[in-house]
C-alpha cells in the first residue's frame, strides 16, 4: 500500500492548521471547477476564517451566509454575474464584500464593514453596526 498520498494530505492539513492559527492570510474559491454559471451552489455551512480572501465564481448561490470573522474579503465575478439568493449576516468586523448581488435579507451587526461594491437594490438591509459602507 502506497502511503505517500496520505502523508501528503496530512502535511497539507498541518500547514493549513498552522497557518490558520498563526493568522496568516489564506485564500480559496467557494466554487468548484470553472464552468458555466449554475443555480445550485449552497453557501449554507460555509466557514469564513479571520484574515482570509474568498472568491465566488459566476453563478447563483443559495442559503444562509454568515460572516462572523474579522478582516475577510469576499468577492464575486461581478454584480451582474454572481448572486447570493438568501440571507447574509455580517457579524464580524472590518470585512469587505464586492462584485456580487444579494437577493434576500442583509443583517449587519459588526463594525467597519464595506459592502459599497455590492448590489443591494433587491435586498432588505438592516444595519446595526458602526461605520458600515453601503
Protein backbone atom coordinates (compact mmCIF):
# COMPACT_ATOMS: atom_id res chain seq x y z
CA UNK A 1 0.00 0.00 0.00
CA UNK A 2 1.38 3.40 -1.04
CA UNK A 3 1.22 5.81 1.91
CA UNK A 4 2.64 8.85 0.07
CA UNK A 5 -0.79 10.38 -0.82
CA UNK A 6 -1.91 10.03 2.80
CA UNK A 7 1.31 11.63 4.07
CA UNK A 8 0.92 14.50 1.61
CA UNK A 9 -2.68 15.07 2.74
CA UNK A 10 -1.58 15.11 6.39
CA UNK A 11 1.20 17.61 5.62
CA UNK A 12 -1.19 19.90 3.71
CA UNK A 13 -3.70 19.75 6.56
CA UNK A 14 -0.97 20.51 9.12
CA UNK A 15 0.27 23.52 7.13
CA UNK A 16 -3.30 24.81 6.79
CA UNK A 17 -3.92 24.47 10.53
CA UNK A 18 -0.65 26.17 11.46
CA UNK A 19 -1.37 29.00 9.00
CA UNK A 20 -4.87 29.49 10.40
CA UNK A 21 -3.63 29.52 13.99
CA UNK A 22 -0.83 31.93 13.17
CA UNK A 23 -3.22 34.38 11.50
CA UNK A 24 -1.63 34.22 8.03
CA UNK A 25 -3.76 35.30 5.10
CA UNK A 26 -5.35 32.38 3.28
CA UNK A 27 -7.30 32.20 0.06
CA UNK A 28 -9.66 29.72 -1.53
CA UNK A 29 -12.52 29.56 -4.00
CA UNK A 30 -16.03 28.77 -2.81
CA UNK A 31 -16.93 27.42 -6.24
CA UNK A 32 -15.78 24.30 -7.97
CA UNK A 33 -14.16 23.99 -11.37
CA UNK A 34 -14.58 26.83 -13.82
CA UNK A 35 -17.74 26.22 -15.77
CA UNK A 36 -20.92 27.89 -16.95
CA UNK A 37 -22.88 29.51 -14.10
CA UNK A 38 -25.07 27.07 -12.21
CA UNK A 39 -28.02 27.72 -9.91
CA UNK A 40 -27.40 25.03 -7.32
CA UNK A 41 -24.47 26.23 -5.21
CA UNK A 42 -25.19 26.35 -1.49
CA UNK A 43 -23.47 28.70 0.95
CA UNK A 44 -25.08 27.08 4.00
CA UNK A 45 -22.38 25.88 6.34
CA UNK A 46 -19.52 27.65 4.52
CA UNK A 47 -16.95 28.78 7.06
CA UNK A 48 -15.19 32.11 6.67
CA UNK A 49 -11.97 32.41 8.68
CA UNK A 50 -10.28 35.52 10.01
CA UNK A 51 -7.92 37.41 7.65
CA UNK A 52 -8.93 35.39 4.59
CA UNK A 53 -9.80 36.04 0.96
CA UNK A 54 -12.65 34.18 -0.77
CA UNK A 55 -13.74 34.28 -4.39
CA UNK A 56 -17.18 33.35 -5.66
CA UNK A 57 -17.21 32.40 -9.32
CA UNK A 58 -20.07 33.45 -11.59
CA UNK A 59 -23.35 31.80 -10.65
CA UNK A 60 -26.19 31.88 -8.17
CA UNK A 61 -25.52 30.82 -4.59
CA UNK A 62 -28.30 29.94 -2.15
CA UNK A 63 -28.61 29.57 1.59
CA UNK A 64 -27.84 31.50 4.73
CA UNK A 65 -24.37 33.05 4.61
CA UNK A 66 -22.89 34.07 7.97
CA UNK A 67 -19.70 36.14 8.11
CA UNK A 68 -18.66 36.15 11.74
CA UNK A 69 -14.95 36.55 11.07
CA UNK A 70 -12.84 39.70 11.08
CA UNK A 71 -10.88 41.30 8.24
CA UNK A 72 -12.01 38.96 5.47
CA UNK A 73 -12.65 39.71 1.82
CA UNK A 74 -15.40 38.03 -0.23
CA UNK A 75 -15.54 38.93 -3.92
CA UNK A 76 -17.71 37.78 -6.77
CA UNK A 77 -17.24 37.83 -10.54
CA UNK A 78 -19.35 40.99 -10.87
CA UNK A 79 -22.71 42.24 -9.62
CA UNK A 80 -24.35 41.02 -12.83
CA UNK A 81 -22.66 37.57 -12.71
CA UNK A 82 -22.58 36.49 -9.06
CA UNK A 83 -25.76 36.45 -6.96
CA UNK A 84 -26.50 35.30 -3.43
CA UNK A 85 -30.17 34.32 -3.01
CA UNK A 86 -30.67 34.08 0.72
CA UNK A 87 -29.90 35.86 3.93
CA UNK A 88 -26.45 37.32 4.60
CA UNK A 89 -25.43 38.08 8.18
CA UNK A 90 -22.28 40.13 8.78
CA UNK A 91 -21.50 39.98 12.49
CA UNK A 92 -17.72 40.24 12.21
CA UNK A 93 -15.70 43.43 11.89
CA UNK A 94 -13.74 45.01 9.02
CA UNK A 95 -14.96 42.66 6.28
CA UNK A 96 -15.18 43.59 2.59
CA UNK A 97 -17.74 42.23 0.13
CA UNK A 98 -17.60 43.20 -3.54
CA UNK A 99 -18.57 42.18 -7.05
CA UNK A 100 -21.81 40.41 -6.18
CA UNK A 101 -25.54 40.98 -5.81
CA UNK A 102 -27.58 39.93 -2.78
CA UNK A 103 -31.27 38.99 -3.09
CA UNK A 104 -32.50 38.45 0.45
CA UNK A 105 -32.11 39.99 3.87
CA UNK A 106 -28.78 41.52 4.85
CA UNK A 107 -28.18 41.98 8.58
CA UNK A 108 -25.06 43.84 9.68
CA UNK A 109 -24.14 43.92 13.37
CA UNK A 110 -20.35 44.15 13.07
CA UNK A 111 -18.37 47.35 12.70
CA UNK A 112 -16.35 48.88 9.85
CA UNK A 113 -17.70 46.53 7.16
CA UNK A 114 -17.65 47.55 3.49
CA UNK A 115 -20.49 46.48 1.18
CA UNK A 116 -20.21 49.53 -1.08
CA UNK A 117 -19.41 47.42 -4.16
CA UNK A 118 -22.38 45.05 -3.67
CA UNK A 119 -25.71 45.35 -5.50
CA UNK A 120 -28.23 45.62 -2.66
CA UNK A 121 -31.05 47.05 -4.79
CA UNK A 122 -33.20 43.92 -4.29
CA UNK A 123 -32.17 43.24 -0.69
CA UNK A 124 -33.63 44.25 2.65
CA UNK A 125 -30.81 45.78 4.70
CA UNK A 126 -30.70 46.10 8.47
CA UNK A 127 -27.53 47.91 9.52
CA UNK A 128 -26.96 47.90 13.29
CA UNK A 129 -23.17 48.16 13.05
CA UNK A 130 -20.97 51.23 13.11
CA UNK A 131 -19.14 52.81 10.17
CA UNK A 132 -20.67 50.49 7.53
CA UNK A 133 -20.08 51.48 3.91
CA UNK A 134 -23.11 50.63 1.75
